[in-house]
C-alpha cells in the first residue's frame, strides 16, 4: 500500500469510528457505496477527487484531512517532487500545498487542468469559500446559472456551498492556486476530530 493510500485509509476508518458510524450510515452520509467505503478503508482502492469531496462533505471535514499532515511549526513545500492526485481521466492534477489547519481555517492546493478538462464539484459545507488565483492559462467557473472566466494573474472568490464546476476550454494548460476557507462552526468539528486522532 503506497503512502497516500495508507493515510487516506487510516483517516477514513478513524473518522468513521470517532463518529460512531456503521458503514451503512457512512454510505448514506457520503453518498458513496458501502462496498467502496470498505475498500478504501482497507487500502484496496484509492478514491478519486470527486469521491474524496463527497466523503469530506458527508463527514464534515476538509478534504486535506485525508491527506498528508504537517509535522512541524514551519513547512517548505516542493510539491513538484510529490505525487499528484488525478481526476477526470488524468486531465486534472491536484497537489496539496498546505493541509487544513484549524488555527488558520484554510487549506491550500495547486491544481492543473489540461485543455478540455471539466470538473464538477458537489456543494461544500455551509459558509465554505474558495479563493482562486490563476497562474497560467484561463479557467471557466460555473456557479449555478452563472459562468465566470478567470484569466492569468486574476484572482476570484466565491461561495462554495453550492454545486460548481471548473473547466479549461483553452488550448493551453491552466494552473491555479486554490485556497479553501472553512468557517469556525465547521472547523471546530474538524478540530475535535483531529485531537481525537492524536494528529
N, C-alpha and C. Protein backbone atom coordinates (compact mmCIF):
# COMPACT_ATOMS: atom_id res chain seq x y z
N UNK A 1 0.84 -1.19 0.00
CA UNK A 1 0.00 0.00 0.00
C UNK A 1 0.89 1.25 0.00
N UNK A 2 0.71 2.14 -0.99
CA UNK A 2 1.56 3.32 -1.01
C UNK A 2 1.15 4.30 0.08
N UNK A 3 2.00 5.33 0.33
CA UNK A 3 1.83 6.20 1.48
C UNK A 3 0.50 6.94 1.48
N UNK A 4 0.15 7.56 0.34
CA UNK A 4 -1.08 8.35 0.31
C UNK A 4 -2.30 7.45 0.51
N UNK A 5 -2.27 6.26 -0.07
CA UNK A 5 -3.40 5.34 0.09
C UNK A 5 -3.54 4.92 1.55
N UNK A 6 -2.42 4.70 2.21
CA UNK A 6 -2.44 4.29 3.61
C UNK A 6 -2.97 5.42 4.51
N UNK A 7 -2.52 6.66 4.23
CA UNK A 7 -3.00 7.80 5.01
C UNK A 7 -4.51 7.94 4.88
N UNK A 8 -5.01 7.88 3.64
CA UNK A 8 -6.45 8.02 3.41
C UNK A 8 -7.20 6.90 4.12
N UNK A 9 -6.70 5.67 3.99
CA UNK A 9 -7.37 4.52 4.60
C UNK A 9 -7.45 4.68 6.12
N UNK A 10 -6.35 5.07 6.74
CA UNK A 10 -6.32 5.22 8.20
C UNK A 10 -7.24 6.34 8.67
N UNK A 11 -7.22 7.48 7.95
CA UNK A 11 -8.06 8.61 8.35
C UNK A 11 -9.54 8.28 8.17
N UNK A 12 -9.86 7.61 7.06
CA UNK A 12 -11.26 7.26 6.79
C UNK A 12 -11.82 6.39 7.91
N UNK A 13 -11.08 5.36 8.27
CA UNK A 13 -11.56 4.44 9.30
C UNK A 13 -11.64 5.14 10.65
N UNK A 14 -10.62 5.95 10.96
CA UNK A 14 -10.58 6.63 12.26
C UNK A 14 -11.73 7.62 12.41
N UNK A 15 -11.99 8.41 11.37
CA UNK A 15 -13.07 9.39 11.44
C UNK A 15 -14.42 8.71 11.59
N UNK A 16 -14.64 7.65 10.83
CA UNK A 16 -15.92 6.94 10.92
C UNK A 16 -16.11 6.35 12.33
N UNK A 17 -15.05 5.79 12.89
CA UNK A 17 -15.16 5.21 14.23
C UNK A 17 -15.36 6.29 15.29
N UNK A 18 -14.68 7.44 15.13
CA UNK A 18 -14.87 8.55 16.07
C UNK A 18 -16.30 9.06 16.06
N UNK A 19 -16.91 9.02 14.89
CA UNK A 19 -18.30 9.48 14.77
C UNK A 19 -19.30 8.37 15.06
N UNK A 20 -18.75 7.16 15.39
CA UNK A 20 -19.58 6.01 15.77
C UNK A 20 -20.59 5.67 14.66
N UNK A 21 -20.08 5.60 13.44
CA UNK A 21 -20.92 5.31 12.28
C UNK A 21 -20.66 3.89 11.78
N UNK A 22 -21.73 3.21 11.41
CA UNK A 22 -21.57 1.95 10.69
C UNK A 22 -21.26 2.27 9.24
N UNK A 23 -20.83 1.28 8.49
CA UNK A 23 -20.57 1.50 7.07
C UNK A 23 -21.85 1.89 6.33
N UNK A 24 -22.97 1.31 6.74
CA UNK A 24 -24.25 1.67 6.13
C UNK A 24 -24.58 3.14 6.38
N UNK A 25 -24.37 3.59 7.60
CA UNK A 25 -24.63 5.00 7.93
C UNK A 25 -23.67 5.93 7.19
N UNK A 26 -22.40 5.51 7.10
CA UNK A 26 -21.40 6.31 6.39
C UNK A 26 -21.75 6.41 4.91
N UNK A 27 -22.23 5.33 4.34
CA UNK A 27 -22.62 5.33 2.93
C UNK A 27 -23.78 6.29 2.68
N UNK A 28 -24.72 6.33 3.63
CA UNK A 28 -25.86 7.25 3.49
C UNK A 28 -25.41 8.70 3.60
N UNK A 29 -24.49 9.00 4.50
CA UNK A 29 -24.00 10.37 4.68
C UNK A 29 -23.19 10.86 3.49
N UNK A 30 -22.35 9.99 2.95
CA UNK A 30 -21.41 10.41 1.91
C UNK A 30 -21.91 10.18 0.49
N UNK A 31 -22.98 9.40 0.35
CA UNK A 31 -23.50 9.02 -0.98
C UNK A 31 -22.47 8.19 -1.75
N UNK A 32 -21.60 7.50 -1.01
CA UNK A 32 -20.65 6.55 -1.59
C UNK A 32 -21.06 5.16 -1.12
N UNK A 33 -20.99 4.17 -2.00
CA UNK A 33 -21.46 2.84 -1.64
C UNK A 33 -20.69 2.25 -0.47
N UNK A 34 -21.37 1.40 0.28
CA UNK A 34 -20.75 0.72 1.41
C UNK A 34 -19.54 -0.08 0.96
N UNK A 35 -19.66 -0.75 -0.19
CA UNK A 35 -18.55 -1.56 -0.70
C UNK A 35 -17.33 -0.71 -1.01
N UNK A 36 -17.56 0.47 -1.62
CA UNK A 36 -16.44 1.35 -1.97
C UNK A 36 -15.78 1.91 -0.71
N UNK A 37 -16.57 2.33 0.26
CA UNK A 37 -16.01 2.83 1.52
C UNK A 37 -15.17 1.76 2.20
N UNK A 38 -15.65 0.54 2.20
CA UNK A 38 -14.92 -0.56 2.81
C UNK A 38 -13.59 -0.81 2.10
N UNK A 39 -13.61 -0.76 0.78
CA UNK A 39 -12.38 -0.96 0.00
C UNK A 39 -11.36 0.13 0.30
N UNK A 40 -11.83 1.38 0.40
CA UNK A 40 -10.93 2.49 0.69
C UNK A 40 -10.32 2.33 2.08
N UNK A 41 -11.16 1.99 3.06
CA UNK A 41 -10.68 1.82 4.44
C UNK A 41 -9.67 0.69 4.56
N UNK A 42 -9.80 -0.33 3.72
CA UNK A 42 -8.86 -1.46 3.76
C UNK A 42 -7.63 -1.22 2.89
N UNK A 43 -7.58 -0.06 2.23
CA UNK A 43 -6.44 0.24 1.38
C UNK A 43 -6.44 -0.50 0.06
N UNK A 44 -7.61 -1.02 -0.34
CA UNK A 44 -7.71 -1.76 -1.59
C UNK A 44 -8.05 -0.87 -2.78
N UNK A 45 -8.44 0.37 -2.47
CA UNK A 45 -8.80 1.31 -3.52
C UNK A 45 -8.44 2.72 -3.08
N UNK A 46 -7.98 3.56 -4.01
CA UNK A 46 -7.71 4.96 -3.70
C UNK A 46 -8.80 5.81 -4.35
N UNK A 47 -9.45 6.67 -3.57
CA UNK A 47 -10.59 7.43 -4.11
C UNK A 47 -10.17 8.52 -5.08
N UNK A 48 -11.07 8.85 -6.00
CA UNK A 48 -10.87 9.99 -6.89
C UNK A 48 -11.13 11.28 -6.12
N UNK A 49 -10.77 12.41 -6.72
CA UNK A 49 -11.05 13.71 -6.10
C UNK A 49 -12.54 13.87 -5.83
N UNK A 50 -13.37 13.50 -6.80
CA UNK A 50 -14.82 13.62 -6.63
C UNK A 50 -15.31 12.81 -5.44
N UNK A 51 -14.80 11.59 -5.31
CA UNK A 51 -15.18 10.73 -4.19
C UNK A 51 -14.73 11.34 -2.87
N UNK A 52 -13.49 11.88 -2.84
CA UNK A 52 -12.98 12.50 -1.61
C UNK A 52 -13.82 13.71 -1.21
N UNK A 53 -14.25 14.51 -2.21
CA UNK A 53 -15.09 15.67 -1.90
C UNK A 53 -16.39 15.22 -1.23
N UNK A 54 -17.01 14.15 -1.77
CA UNK A 54 -18.26 13.64 -1.21
C UNK A 54 -18.05 13.13 0.22
N UNK A 55 -16.95 12.42 0.43
CA UNK A 55 -16.66 11.89 1.75
C UNK A 55 -16.41 13.02 2.75
N UNK A 56 -15.62 14.02 2.32
CA UNK A 56 -15.32 15.14 3.23
C UNK A 56 -16.59 15.92 3.56
N UNK A 57 -17.48 16.08 2.58
CA UNK A 57 -18.74 16.79 2.84
C UNK A 57 -19.62 15.98 3.78
N UNK A 58 -19.68 14.67 3.56
CA UNK A 58 -20.51 13.81 4.40
C UNK A 58 -20.01 13.74 5.83
N UNK A 59 -18.69 13.69 6.00
CA UNK A 59 -18.10 13.61 7.34
C UNK A 59 -17.87 14.99 7.96
N UNK A 60 -18.08 16.04 7.16
CA UNK A 60 -17.89 17.42 7.62
C UNK A 60 -16.45 17.69 8.06
N UNK A 61 -15.51 17.29 7.22
CA UNK A 61 -14.09 17.59 7.44
C UNK A 61 -13.49 18.07 6.12
N UNK A 62 -12.46 18.91 6.15
CA UNK A 62 -11.82 19.37 4.92
C UNK A 62 -11.19 18.21 4.15
N UNK A 63 -11.09 18.35 2.83
CA UNK A 63 -10.58 17.26 2.00
C UNK A 63 -9.14 16.91 2.36
N UNK A 64 -8.32 17.91 2.71
CA UNK A 64 -6.92 17.60 3.01
C UNK A 64 -6.76 16.90 4.34
N UNK A 65 -7.85 16.75 5.08
CA UNK A 65 -7.80 15.98 6.33
C UNK A 65 -7.44 14.53 6.05
N UNK A 66 -7.73 14.09 4.81
CA UNK A 66 -7.43 12.72 4.43
C UNK A 66 -6.03 12.58 3.82
N UNK A 67 -5.33 13.69 3.72
CA UNK A 67 -4.02 13.66 3.07
C UNK A 67 -2.92 13.88 4.09
N UNK A 68 -1.75 14.22 3.61
CA UNK A 68 -0.56 14.28 4.47
C UNK A 68 -0.67 15.38 5.52
N UNK A 69 -0.27 15.07 6.73
CA UNK A 69 -0.34 16.04 7.81
C UNK A 69 0.94 16.86 7.91
N UNK A 70 0.82 18.05 8.51
CA UNK A 70 2.00 18.85 8.82
C UNK A 70 2.68 18.28 10.06
N UNK A 71 4.00 18.24 10.04
CA UNK A 71 4.74 17.63 11.13
C UNK A 71 5.55 18.65 11.93
N UNK A 72 5.64 19.92 11.46
CA UNK A 72 6.46 20.92 12.14
C UNK A 72 5.68 22.22 12.26
N UNK A 73 6.32 23.20 12.94
CA UNK A 73 5.71 24.52 13.03
C UNK A 73 5.95 25.34 11.77
N UNK A 74 6.79 24.85 10.88
CA UNK A 74 7.03 25.50 9.60
C UNK A 74 7.09 24.42 8.53
N UNK A 75 6.79 24.80 7.30
CA UNK A 75 6.78 23.83 6.21
C UNK A 75 7.28 24.50 4.94
N UNK A 76 8.26 23.89 4.29
CA UNK A 76 8.73 24.32 2.97
C UNK A 76 8.27 23.27 1.98
N UNK A 77 7.45 23.70 1.03
CA UNK A 77 6.87 22.76 0.09
C UNK A 77 7.61 22.74 -1.24
N UNK A 78 7.93 21.55 -1.72
CA UNK A 78 8.44 21.35 -3.07
C UNK A 78 7.51 20.34 -3.73
N UNK A 79 6.32 20.83 -4.09
CA UNK A 79 5.26 19.91 -4.49
C UNK A 79 5.54 19.21 -5.81
N UNK A 80 6.44 19.74 -6.65
CA UNK A 80 6.71 19.10 -7.93
C UNK A 80 7.36 17.73 -7.74
N UNK A 81 7.92 17.51 -6.55
CA UNK A 81 8.51 16.20 -6.28
C UNK A 81 7.52 15.23 -5.67
N UNK A 82 6.30 15.69 -5.41
CA UNK A 82 5.29 14.82 -4.81
C UNK A 82 4.39 14.24 -5.90
N UNK A 83 3.69 13.17 -5.55
CA UNK A 83 2.78 12.54 -6.50
C UNK A 83 1.43 13.24 -6.44
N UNK A 84 0.90 13.65 -7.59
CA UNK A 84 -0.40 14.33 -7.59
C UNK A 84 -1.54 13.34 -7.43
N UNK A 85 -2.70 13.87 -7.07
CA UNK A 85 -3.94 13.10 -7.11
C UNK A 85 -4.61 13.44 -8.43
N UNK A 86 -4.99 12.42 -9.18
CA UNK A 86 -5.55 12.64 -10.52
C UNK A 86 -7.08 12.54 -10.51
N UNK A 87 -7.69 13.25 -11.45
CA UNK A 87 -9.13 13.16 -11.67
C UNK A 87 -9.41 13.44 -13.14
N UNK A 88 -10.64 13.19 -13.54
CA UNK A 88 -11.09 13.47 -14.91
C UNK A 88 -10.14 12.85 -15.95
N UNK A 89 -9.93 11.53 -15.84
CA UNK A 89 -9.07 10.81 -16.79
C UNK A 89 -7.68 11.42 -16.87
N UNK A 90 -7.17 11.82 -15.70
CA UNK A 90 -5.82 12.37 -15.55
C UNK A 90 -5.66 13.74 -16.19
N UNK A 91 -6.77 14.37 -16.59
CA UNK A 91 -6.70 15.72 -17.13
C UNK A 91 -6.65 16.77 -16.03
N UNK A 92 -6.90 16.35 -14.81
CA UNK A 92 -6.83 17.25 -13.65
C UNK A 92 -5.84 16.66 -12.66
N UNK A 93 -4.87 17.49 -12.23
CA UNK A 93 -3.85 17.04 -11.28
C UNK A 93 -3.86 17.97 -10.08
N UNK A 94 -3.94 17.41 -8.90
CA UNK A 94 -4.02 18.20 -7.67
C UNK A 94 -2.84 17.86 -6.76
N UNK A 95 -2.13 18.91 -6.35
CA UNK A 95 -1.06 18.77 -5.37
C UNK A 95 -1.48 19.49 -4.09
N UNK A 96 -1.30 18.84 -2.97
CA UNK A 96 -1.56 19.51 -1.71
C UNK A 96 -0.37 20.41 -1.39
N UNK A 97 -0.63 21.68 -1.14
CA UNK A 97 0.43 22.59 -0.71
C UNK A 97 0.48 22.62 0.81
N UNK A 98 -0.60 23.10 1.42
CA UNK A 98 -0.68 23.11 2.88
C UNK A 98 -2.01 22.50 3.29
N UNK A 99 -1.97 21.49 4.15
CA UNK A 99 -3.21 20.83 4.57
C UNK A 99 -4.03 21.71 5.48
N UNK A 100 -5.24 21.30 5.71
CA UNK A 100 -6.13 22.03 6.62
C UNK A 100 -5.46 22.19 7.98
N UNK A 101 -5.55 23.42 8.51
CA UNK A 101 -5.01 23.72 9.82
C UNK A 101 -6.08 24.48 10.60
N UNK A 102 -6.55 23.95 11.73
CA UNK A 102 -7.63 24.62 12.46
C UNK A 102 -7.27 26.00 12.97
N UNK A 103 -5.98 26.30 13.08
CA UNK A 103 -5.57 27.63 13.55
C UNK A 103 -5.84 28.70 12.50
N UNK A 104 -5.76 28.31 11.20
CA UNK A 104 -5.98 29.25 10.11
C UNK A 104 -7.31 29.05 9.41
N UNK A 105 -7.95 27.91 9.60
CA UNK A 105 -9.24 27.58 8.96
C UNK A 105 -9.15 27.50 7.44
N UNK A 106 -7.98 27.17 6.91
CA UNK A 106 -7.84 27.10 5.45
C UNK A 106 -7.03 25.86 5.05
N UNK A 107 -7.12 25.53 3.78
CA UNK A 107 -6.21 24.59 3.14
C UNK A 107 -5.83 25.18 1.78
N UNK A 108 -4.65 24.80 1.27
CA UNK A 108 -4.19 25.38 0.01
C UNK A 108 -3.76 24.26 -0.94
N UNK A 109 -4.23 24.37 -2.20
CA UNK A 109 -3.97 23.37 -3.21
C UNK A 109 -3.38 24.01 -4.46
N UNK A 110 -2.58 23.24 -5.19
CA UNK A 110 -2.13 23.64 -6.53
C UNK A 110 -2.78 22.66 -7.50
N UNK A 111 -3.48 23.20 -8.51
CA UNK A 111 -4.22 22.34 -9.43
C UNK A 111 -3.89 22.69 -10.87
N UNK A 112 -3.75 21.67 -11.70
CA UNK A 112 -3.55 21.85 -13.14
C UNK A 112 -4.73 21.23 -13.88
N UNK A 113 -5.24 21.97 -14.88
CA UNK A 113 -6.32 21.48 -15.73
C UNK A 113 -5.81 21.42 -17.17
N UNK A 114 -5.81 20.24 -17.77
CA UNK A 114 -5.44 20.12 -19.17
C UNK A 114 -6.55 20.73 -20.04
N UNK A 115 -6.20 21.02 -21.29
CA UNK A 115 -7.19 21.54 -22.22
C UNK A 115 -8.37 20.58 -22.32
N UNK A 116 -9.57 21.13 -22.25
CA UNK A 116 -10.77 20.32 -22.36
C UNK A 116 -11.23 19.70 -21.06
N UNK A 117 -10.51 19.90 -19.98
CA UNK A 117 -10.88 19.30 -18.70
C UNK A 117 -12.10 20.01 -18.10
N UNK A 118 -13.03 19.23 -17.62
CA UNK A 118 -14.19 19.75 -16.90
C UNK A 118 -14.32 18.97 -15.59
N UNK A 119 -14.39 19.68 -14.49
CA UNK A 119 -14.52 19.03 -13.18
C UNK A 119 -15.71 19.61 -12.44
N UNK A 120 -16.65 18.74 -12.08
CA UNK A 120 -17.82 19.15 -11.34
C UNK A 120 -17.61 18.86 -9.85
N UNK A 121 -17.94 19.81 -9.02
CA UNK A 121 -17.78 19.65 -7.58
C UNK A 121 -19.12 19.76 -6.88
N UNK A 122 -19.35 18.86 -5.94
CA UNK A 122 -20.55 18.95 -5.11
C UNK A 122 -20.44 20.19 -4.22
N UNK A 123 -21.56 20.65 -3.71
CA UNK A 123 -21.51 21.79 -2.79
C UNK A 123 -20.77 21.38 -1.53
N UNK A 124 -19.99 22.33 -1.00
CA UNK A 124 -19.29 22.09 0.25
C UNK A 124 -20.21 22.45 1.42
N UNK A 125 -19.68 22.41 2.61
CA UNK A 125 -20.46 22.73 3.80
C UNK A 125 -20.83 24.21 3.82
N UNK A 126 -21.89 24.55 4.53
CA UNK A 126 -22.36 25.93 4.59
C UNK A 126 -21.25 26.88 5.06
N UNK A 127 -21.11 28.00 4.34
CA UNK A 127 -20.14 29.00 4.74
C UNK A 127 -18.75 28.82 4.14
N UNK A 128 -18.51 27.71 3.45
CA UNK A 128 -17.20 27.48 2.85
C UNK A 128 -17.01 28.42 1.66
N UNK A 129 -15.82 29.02 1.57
CA UNK A 129 -15.49 29.89 0.44
C UNK A 129 -14.21 29.38 -0.24
N UNK A 130 -14.11 29.63 -1.54
CA UNK A 130 -12.89 29.29 -2.27
C UNK A 130 -12.28 30.56 -2.86
N UNK A 131 -10.96 30.60 -2.83
CA UNK A 131 -10.20 31.69 -3.44
C UNK A 131 -9.30 31.06 -4.49
N UNK A 132 -9.37 31.60 -5.70
CA UNK A 132 -8.60 31.03 -6.81
C UNK A 132 -7.71 32.11 -7.42
N UNK A 133 -6.46 31.76 -7.64
CA UNK A 133 -5.53 32.64 -8.36
C UNK A 133 -5.00 31.86 -9.55
N UNK A 134 -5.22 32.39 -10.75
CA UNK A 134 -4.79 31.71 -11.97
C UNK A 134 -3.34 32.09 -12.28
N UNK A 135 -2.47 31.10 -12.23
CA UNK A 135 -1.05 31.31 -12.51
C UNK A 135 -0.77 31.32 -14.00
N UNK A 136 -1.48 30.49 -14.75
CA UNK A 136 -1.28 30.39 -16.21
C UNK A 136 -2.56 29.91 -16.86
N UNK A 137 -2.80 30.36 -18.09
CA UNK A 137 -3.99 29.95 -18.81
C UNK A 137 -5.22 30.69 -18.33
N UNK A 138 -6.38 30.06 -18.47
CA UNK A 138 -7.64 30.66 -18.02
C UNK A 138 -8.56 29.55 -17.55
N UNK A 139 -9.51 29.94 -16.69
CA UNK A 139 -10.41 28.96 -16.09
C UNK A 139 -11.83 29.49 -16.14
N UNK A 140 -12.76 28.62 -16.54
CA UNK A 140 -14.18 28.95 -16.51
C UNK A 140 -14.79 28.33 -15.27
N UNK A 141 -15.48 29.15 -14.48
CA UNK A 141 -16.14 28.68 -13.28
C UNK A 141 -17.64 28.79 -13.46
N UNK A 142 -18.34 27.69 -13.26
CA UNK A 142 -19.80 27.70 -13.33
C UNK A 142 -20.34 27.63 -11.92
N UNK A 143 -21.10 28.67 -11.55
CA UNK A 143 -21.68 28.77 -10.21
C UNK A 143 -23.19 28.86 -10.37
N UNK A 144 -23.85 27.72 -10.30
CA UNK A 144 -25.27 27.71 -10.58
C UNK A 144 -25.51 28.04 -12.04
N UNK A 145 -26.25 29.12 -12.30
CA UNK A 145 -26.54 29.54 -13.67
C UNK A 145 -25.51 30.54 -14.20
N UNK A 146 -24.58 30.94 -13.36
CA UNK A 146 -23.61 31.97 -13.75
C UNK A 146 -22.27 31.35 -14.12
N UNK A 147 -21.66 31.87 -15.19
CA UNK A 147 -20.35 31.40 -15.64
C UNK A 147 -19.38 32.58 -15.60
N UNK A 148 -18.24 32.38 -14.95
CA UNK A 148 -17.24 33.44 -14.80
C UNK A 148 -15.93 32.96 -15.38
N UNK A 149 -15.29 33.79 -16.21
CA UNK A 149 -13.99 33.47 -16.78
C UNK A 149 -12.90 34.19 -15.98
N UNK A 150 -11.93 33.43 -15.51
CA UNK A 150 -10.83 33.99 -14.74
C UNK A 150 -9.55 33.78 -15.54
N UNK A 151 -8.87 34.86 -15.88
CA UNK A 151 -7.68 34.79 -16.73
C UNK A 151 -6.40 34.80 -15.91
N UNK A 152 -5.31 34.59 -16.60
CA UNK A 152 -3.99 34.57 -15.96
C UNK A 152 -3.75 35.84 -15.15
N UNK A 153 -3.25 35.66 -13.93
CA UNK A 153 -2.93 36.73 -12.98
C UNK A 153 -4.18 37.40 -12.41
N UNK A 154 -5.33 36.77 -12.59
CA UNK A 154 -6.55 37.25 -11.94
C UNK A 154 -6.89 36.35 -10.77
N UNK A 155 -7.55 36.93 -9.76
CA UNK A 155 -7.98 36.18 -8.59
C UNK A 155 -9.50 36.24 -8.48
N UNK A 156 -10.09 35.23 -7.88
CA UNK A 156 -11.54 35.15 -7.81
C UNK A 156 -11.95 34.47 -6.50
N UNK A 157 -12.96 35.02 -5.86
CA UNK A 157 -13.50 34.44 -4.63
C UNK A 157 -14.97 34.10 -4.85
N UNK A 158 -15.41 32.95 -4.31
CA UNK A 158 -16.81 32.61 -4.45
C UNK A 158 -17.27 31.69 -3.31
N UNK A 159 -18.57 31.70 -3.08
CA UNK A 159 -19.17 30.78 -2.11
C UNK A 159 -19.16 29.38 -2.71
N UNK A 160 -18.66 28.43 -1.95
CA UNK A 160 -18.55 27.07 -2.47
C UNK A 160 -19.58 26.13 -1.85
N UNK A 161 -20.57 26.71 -1.16
CA UNK A 161 -21.60 25.87 -0.56
C UNK A 161 -22.79 25.71 -1.52
N UNK A 162 -22.47 25.64 -2.81
CA UNK A 162 -23.43 25.32 -3.85
C UNK A 162 -22.67 24.54 -4.92
N UNK A 163 -23.36 23.74 -5.72
CA UNK A 163 -22.65 22.98 -6.76
C UNK A 163 -21.92 23.93 -7.70
N UNK A 164 -20.71 23.55 -8.11
CA UNK A 164 -19.93 24.40 -9.00
C UNK A 164 -19.01 23.53 -9.85
N UNK A 165 -18.48 24.11 -10.90
CA UNK A 165 -17.60 23.33 -11.77
C UNK A 165 -16.49 24.22 -12.32
N UNK A 166 -15.40 23.56 -12.69
CA UNK A 166 -14.22 24.22 -13.25
C UNK A 166 -13.98 23.63 -14.63
N UNK A 167 -13.64 24.46 -15.61
CA UNK A 167 -13.33 23.92 -16.93
C UNK A 167 -12.26 24.76 -17.62
N UNK A 168 -11.47 24.09 -18.43
CA UNK A 168 -10.44 24.75 -19.23
C UNK A 168 -10.79 24.55 -20.69
N UNK A 169 -11.36 25.58 -21.30
CA UNK A 169 -11.77 25.49 -22.71
C UNK A 169 -10.69 26.01 -23.65
N UNK A 170 -9.57 26.46 -23.10
CA UNK A 170 -8.48 26.95 -23.94
C UNK A 170 -7.60 25.79 -24.39
N UNK A 171 -6.60 26.09 -25.19
CA UNK A 171 -5.71 25.05 -25.71
C UNK A 171 -4.44 24.92 -24.89
N UNK A 172 -4.31 25.74 -23.84
CA UNK A 172 -3.09 25.68 -23.04
C UNK A 172 -3.41 25.22 -21.62
N UNK A 173 -2.41 24.71 -20.94
CA UNK A 173 -2.56 24.20 -19.58
C UNK A 173 -2.95 25.35 -18.64
N UNK A 174 -3.94 25.09 -17.80
CA UNK A 174 -4.35 26.07 -16.80
C UNK A 174 -3.80 25.64 -15.44
N UNK A 175 -3.14 26.58 -14.76
CA UNK A 175 -2.56 26.30 -13.45
C UNK A 175 -3.14 27.28 -12.45
N UNK A 176 -3.60 26.76 -11.32
CA UNK A 176 -4.19 27.65 -10.32
C UNK A 176 -3.70 27.31 -8.90
N UNK A 177 -3.78 28.31 -8.05
CA UNK A 177 -3.68 28.12 -6.61
C UNK A 177 -5.10 28.20 -6.06
N UNK A 178 -5.50 27.22 -5.28
CA UNK A 178 -6.86 27.15 -4.73
C UNK A 178 -6.77 27.15 -3.20
N UNK A 179 -7.33 28.19 -2.58
CA UNK A 179 -7.39 28.27 -1.12
C UNK A 179 -8.85 28.09 -0.71
N UNK A 180 -9.08 27.17 0.22
CA UNK A 180 -10.44 26.90 0.69
C UNK A 180 -10.55 27.32 2.15
N UNK A 181 -11.51 28.17 2.42
CA UNK A 181 -11.73 28.68 3.78
C UNK A 181 -12.92 27.98 4.42
N UNK A 182 -12.74 27.50 5.63
CA UNK A 182 -13.79 26.84 6.40
C UNK A 182 -14.16 27.72 7.59
N UNK A 183 -15.43 28.10 7.74
CA UNK A 183 -15.82 28.95 8.87
C UNK A 183 -15.68 28.20 10.19
N UNK A 184 -15.54 28.94 11.29
CA UNK A 184 -15.29 28.31 12.60
C UNK A 184 -16.28 27.24 13.00
N UNK A 185 -17.54 27.40 12.65
CA UNK A 185 -18.55 26.41 13.04
C UNK A 185 -18.22 25.05 12.47
N UNK A 186 -17.55 25.05 11.29
CA UNK A 186 -17.17 23.79 10.64
C UNK A 186 -15.84 23.32 11.19
N UNK A 187 -14.90 24.24 11.31
CA UNK A 187 -13.56 23.84 11.71
C UNK A 187 -13.51 23.39 13.16
N UNK A 188 -14.44 23.85 13.99
CA UNK A 188 -14.48 23.37 15.38
C UNK A 188 -14.70 21.87 15.41
N UNK A 189 -15.62 21.38 14.56
CA UNK A 189 -15.88 19.94 14.49
C UNK A 189 -14.63 19.21 14.04
N UNK A 190 -13.96 19.74 13.00
CA UNK A 190 -12.77 19.10 12.49
C UNK A 190 -11.66 19.07 13.52
N UNK A 191 -11.57 20.17 14.31
CA UNK A 191 -10.52 20.25 15.32
C UNK A 191 -10.73 19.17 16.37
N UNK A 192 -11.97 18.97 16.78
CA UNK A 192 -12.25 17.94 17.76
C UNK A 192 -11.86 16.57 17.26
N UNK A 193 -12.16 16.30 15.99
CA UNK A 193 -11.79 15.02 15.40
C UNK A 193 -10.28 14.87 15.34
N UNK A 194 -9.61 15.98 15.01
CA UNK A 194 -8.17 15.91 14.88
C UNK A 194 -7.52 15.60 16.22
N UNK A 195 -7.98 16.25 17.27
CA UNK A 195 -7.42 16.00 18.59
C UNK A 195 -7.71 14.55 19.01
N UNK A 196 -8.88 14.07 18.64
CA UNK A 196 -9.23 12.71 19.00
C UNK A 196 -8.36 11.67 18.32
N UNK A 197 -7.79 12.05 17.17
CA UNK A 197 -6.95 11.13 16.44
C UNK A 197 -5.47 11.29 16.81
N UNK A 198 -5.19 12.21 17.72
CA UNK A 198 -3.80 12.44 18.13
C UNK A 198 -2.90 12.78 16.94
N UNK A 199 -3.41 13.63 16.05
CA UNK A 199 -2.64 14.01 14.86
C UNK A 199 -1.84 15.26 15.16
